Amino acid sequence: MQRKSILLACISLWVCATATIQAEDKMFPEFSHYPATVTSGPFSQTLVLTNEQIKYSAHWKKTMQQQLVKPVNFAGHYRFFATDAYQGDECQHGICGWVLDKSTGNVVSNLPEFNGSDSYGAVGDNGTPVGEPFETKTQSDSLLLILTGQAIPKELKHDKDGVPITNPCETNYYKFENNKFIRIFEDRNGCNVD
């Protein structure tokens, strides 16, 4: 009788633990929750720039043109691209990124804005010695962007001790809708190393 009670208690504990783990897994958005129909063209072969983008560096324009002719990698007919290789007006500091509409040739969006910044850094914090590097995840058949990183403030401010005030490093989940990123979920623990 006592063995049966212990066995039932163990089974109950296992079921509760499994249900908790499954519930935690389900709270994070998944690519399949935000489907997009992948199109095969026709696609624009010519980059179309705004008046502001015309002022950007020749290197940026060349890179965007090269990205435009690469395969769709985001939200059905878009090309997502992020890099830390820019120093001109197109990227003031850190890691910047853009979304190209392959159907029109337009650069329709930058990286998602977080606390007034669309530039990011590969900085670990939240009590970790290293943290996770800047990372983005996209799929050609999904409107979901998963971004892990630290938004770099456009204007650096300092606290009373002279220490720079920075944004936290975290993982944010965005839905791309009408050429804009809408934050749908925030994982403040996303930069911590397990």
Protein backbone atom coordinates (compact mmCIF):
# COMPACT_ATOMS: atom_id res chain seq x y z
CA MET A 1 0.00 0.00 0.00
CA GLN A 2 2.81 2.38 0.92
CA ARG A 3 4.64 1.54 -2.33
CA LYS A 4 1.50 2.28 -4.30
CA SER A 5 1.17 5.70 -2.61
CA ILE A 6 4.82 6.52 -3.31
CA LEU A 7 4.44 5.38 -6.92
CA LEU A 8 1.31 7.52 -7.38
CA ALA A 9 3.05 10.51 -5.81
CA CYS A 10 6.03 10.09 -8.18
CA ILE A 11 3.76 9.78 -11.21
CA SER A 12 1.80 12.88 -10.13
CA LEU A 13 5.02 14.83 -9.66
CA TRP A 14 6.30 13.74 -13.08
CA VAL A 15 3.00 14.71 -14.77
CA CYS A 16 3.04 18.15 -13.10
CA ALA A 17 6.67 18.76 -14.06
CA THR A 18 6.04 17.70 -17.66
CA ALA A 19 2.94 19.90 -17.90
CA THR A 20 4.88 22.88 -16.50
CA ILE A 21 7.71 22.41 -19.00
CA GLN A 22 5.24 22.09 -21.88
CA ALA A 23 3.35 25.20 -20.72
CA GLU A 24 6.62 27.17 -20.57
CA ASP A 25 7.53 26.02 -24.09
CA LYS A 26 4.14 27.13 -25.42
CA MET A 27 4.42 30.68 -24.09
CA PHE A 28 7.17 31.60 -26.58
CA PRO A 29 5.92 32.60 -30.05
CA GLU A 30 6.82 30.16 -32.80
CA PHE A 31 7.39 30.77 -36.50
CA SER A 32 4.39 28.59 -37.37
CA HIS A 33 2.10 30.90 -35.37
CA TYR A 34 2.78 33.75 -37.84
CA PRO A 35 2.63 32.19 -41.32
CA ALA A 36 3.45 34.01 -44.55
CA THR A 37 2.96 32.75 -48.09
CA VAL A 38 6.31 32.56 -49.87
CA THR A 39 6.15 34.08 -53.34
CA SER A 40 8.48 33.23 -56.20
CA GLY A 41 8.30 36.56 -57.99
CA PRO A 42 8.54 38.33 -60.23
CA PHE A 43 10.95 40.33 -58.11
CA SER A 44 12.47 43.73 -58.71
CA GLN A 45 16.07 43.72 -59.87
CA THR A 46 16.46 47.45 -59.14
CA LEU A 47 16.90 49.02 -55.72
CA VAL A 48 14.44 51.89 -55.07
CA LEU A 49 15.71 54.45 -52.54
CA THR A 50 14.03 57.19 -50.53
CA ASN A 51 15.48 60.72 -50.46
CA GLU A 52 17.14 59.85 -47.14
CA GLN A 53 18.57 56.55 -48.41
CA ILE A 54 20.09 58.28 -51.46
CA LYS A 55 22.45 60.03 -48.99
CA TYR A 56 23.76 56.72 -47.65
CA SER A 57 27.20 55.38 -48.54
CA ALA A 58 28.02 53.75 -51.89
CA HIS A 59 28.99 50.63 -49.92
CA TRP A 60 25.51 50.44 -48.35
CA LYS A 61 23.76 50.90 -51.71
CA LYS A 62 25.92 48.20 -53.31
CA THR A 63 25.24 45.82 -50.41
CA MET A 64 21.48 46.44 -50.55
CA GLN A 65 21.50 45.80 -54.32
CA GLN A 66 23.36 42.52 -53.70
CA GLN A 67 20.85 41.56 -50.99
CA LEU A 68 17.92 42.38 -53.29
CA VAL A 69 18.85 39.63 -55.75
CA LYS A 70 19.36 36.98 -53.04
CA PRO A 71 16.54 34.57 -52.10
CA VAL A 72 13.60 35.49 -49.88
CA ASN A 73 14.47 34.82 -46.23
CA PHE A 74 11.65 36.59 -44.39
CA ALA A 75 7.88 37.07 -44.42
CA GLY A 76 7.06 35.70 -47.87
CA HIS A 77 8.72 38.19 -50.22
CA TYR A 78 11.26 40.07 -48.11
CA ARG A 79 15.00 39.90 -47.61
CA PHE A 80 16.22 40.55 -44.05
CA PHE A 81 19.85 41.63 -43.59
CA ALA A 82 21.85 42.72 -40.50
CA THR A 83 25.52 43.65 -40.16
CA ASP A 84 28.03 45.63 -38.10
CA ALA A 85 30.08 46.75 -41.11
CA TYR A 86 28.73 50.30 -41.55
CA GLN A 87 30.01 53.68 -40.41
CA GLY A 88 28.00 56.15 -42.54
CA ASP A 89 24.63 57.84 -42.11
CA GLU A 90 22.89 54.50 -42.60
CA CYS A 91 24.20 53.11 -39.30
CA GLN A 92 25.48 55.37 -36.56
CA HIS A 93 26.97 52.62 -34.39
CA GLY A 94 26.69 48.96 -33.50
CA ILE A 95 24.75 46.44 -35.53
CA CYS A 96 22.11 47.68 -37.96
CA GLY A 97 19.72 45.87 -40.26
CA TRP A 98 17.18 46.38 -43.00
CA VAL A 99 14.23 44.70 -44.65
CA LEU A 100 14.03 44.82 -48.45
CA ASP A 101 10.76 44.23 -50.26
CA LYS A 102 11.87 42.04 -53.14
CA SER A 103 8.60 42.71 -55.00
CA THR A 104 9.13 46.49 -55.18
CA GLY A 105 12.87 46.95 -54.63
CA ASN A 106 12.24 49.25 -51.65
CA VAL A 107 14.15 49.13 -48.37
CA VAL A 108 11.04 49.24 -46.17
CA SER A 109 12.33 48.96 -42.61
CA ASN A 110 15.32 49.08 -40.28
CA LEU A 111 15.79 46.76 -37.33
CA PRO A 112 12.96 47.11 -34.80
CA GLU A 113 13.18 50.20 -32.63
CA PHE A 114 13.68 49.55 -28.93
CA ASN A 115 13.66 52.51 -26.52
CA GLY A 116 14.31 54.91 -29.39
CA SER A 117 17.15 52.94 -30.98
CA ASP A 118 17.38 50.68 -34.02
CA SER A 119 21.10 49.94 -33.53
CA TYR A 120 22.16 46.96 -31.44
CA GLY A 121 25.24 45.54 -29.81
CA ALA A 122 26.50 42.06 -29.02
CA VAL A 123 26.77 42.70 -25.31
CA GLY A 124 25.94 40.26 -22.54
CA ASP A 125 24.57 41.51 -19.25
CA ASN A 126 21.78 40.55 -16.87
CA GLY A 127 24.32 39.15 -14.45
CA THR A 128 26.15 36.99 -16.96
CA PRO A 129 29.86 37.25 -17.72
CA VAL A 130 29.46 36.78 -21.47
CA GLY A 131 25.82 36.44 -22.46
CA GLU A 132 24.60 35.65 -25.94
CA PRO A 133 25.90 37.40 -29.07
CA PHE A 134 23.58 39.56 -31.20
CA GLU A 135 21.39 37.18 -33.14
CA THR A 136 18.37 37.33 -35.41
CA LYS A 137 16.21 34.45 -36.57
CA THR A 138 13.82 34.64 -39.51
CA GLN A 139 12.11 32.22 -41.86
CA SER A 140 10.92 32.82 -45.39
CA ASP A 141 7.45 31.47 -44.54
CA SER A 142 6.88 33.47 -41.35
CA LEU A 143 6.22 37.06 -40.25
CA LEU A 144 8.14 36.43 -37.00
CA LEU A 145 11.54 37.95 -36.21
CA ILE A 146 13.38 36.81 -33.08
CA LEU A 147 16.06 39.31 -32.07
CA THR A 148 18.55 38.84 -29.23
CA GLY A 149 20.77 41.79 -28.39
CA GLN A 150 21.18 45.07 -26.60
CA ALA A 151 19.76 48.24 -28.18
CA ILE A 152 22.41 50.96 -28.19
CA PRO A 153 20.93 54.33 -27.15
CA LYS A 154 21.08 57.01 -29.86
CA GLU A 155 22.23 59.46 -27.22
CA LEU A 156 24.41 58.07 -24.46
CA LYS A 157 23.47 59.28 -20.97
CA HIS A 158 25.27 58.65 -17.69
CA ASP A 159 24.09 58.05 -14.16
CA LYS A 160 25.20 60.14 -11.18
CA ASP A 161 28.43 58.10 -10.94
CA GLY A 162 29.31 58.62 -14.61
CA VAL A 163 28.40 55.09 -15.67
CA PRO A 164 26.71 54.89 -19.10
CA ILE A 165 23.01 54.05 -18.95
CA THR A 166 22.29 51.23 -21.38
CA ASN A 167 19.29 49.19 -22.43
CA PRO A 168 19.08 45.62 -21.15
CA CYS A 169 20.15 42.75 -23.35
CA GLU A 170 17.11 40.62 -24.06
CA THR A 171 15.31 38.56 -26.67
CA ASN A 172 12.32 40.20 -28.33
CA TYR A 173 9.81 38.62 -30.68
CA TYR A 174 8.35 40.81 -33.43
CA LYS A 175 5.59 40.37 -35.97
CA PHE A 176 6.24 42.14 -39.29
CA GLU A 177 3.03 43.80 -40.42
CA ASN A 178 2.51 46.65 -42.93
CA ASN A 179 6.31 47.06 -43.19
CA LYS A 180 6.62 47.65 -39.43
CA PHE A 181 7.79 45.50 -36.55
CA ILE A 182 5.30 45.00 -33.72
CA ARG A 183 6.75 43.58 -30.52
CA ILE A 184 4.61 40.66 -29.41
CA PHE A 185 6.75 39.07 -26.71
CA GLU A 186 9.72 39.99 -24.55
CA ASP A 187 12.10 37.53 -22.90
CA ARG A 188 14.21 39.51 -20.44
CA ASN A 189 16.13 36.34 -19.67
CA GLY A 190 16.98 35.81 -23.35
CA CYS A 191 20.60 36.95 -23.05
CA ASN A 192 21.50 34.87 -20.04
CA VAL A 193 23.72 31.88 -20.61
CA ASP A 194 22.24 28.73 -19.07
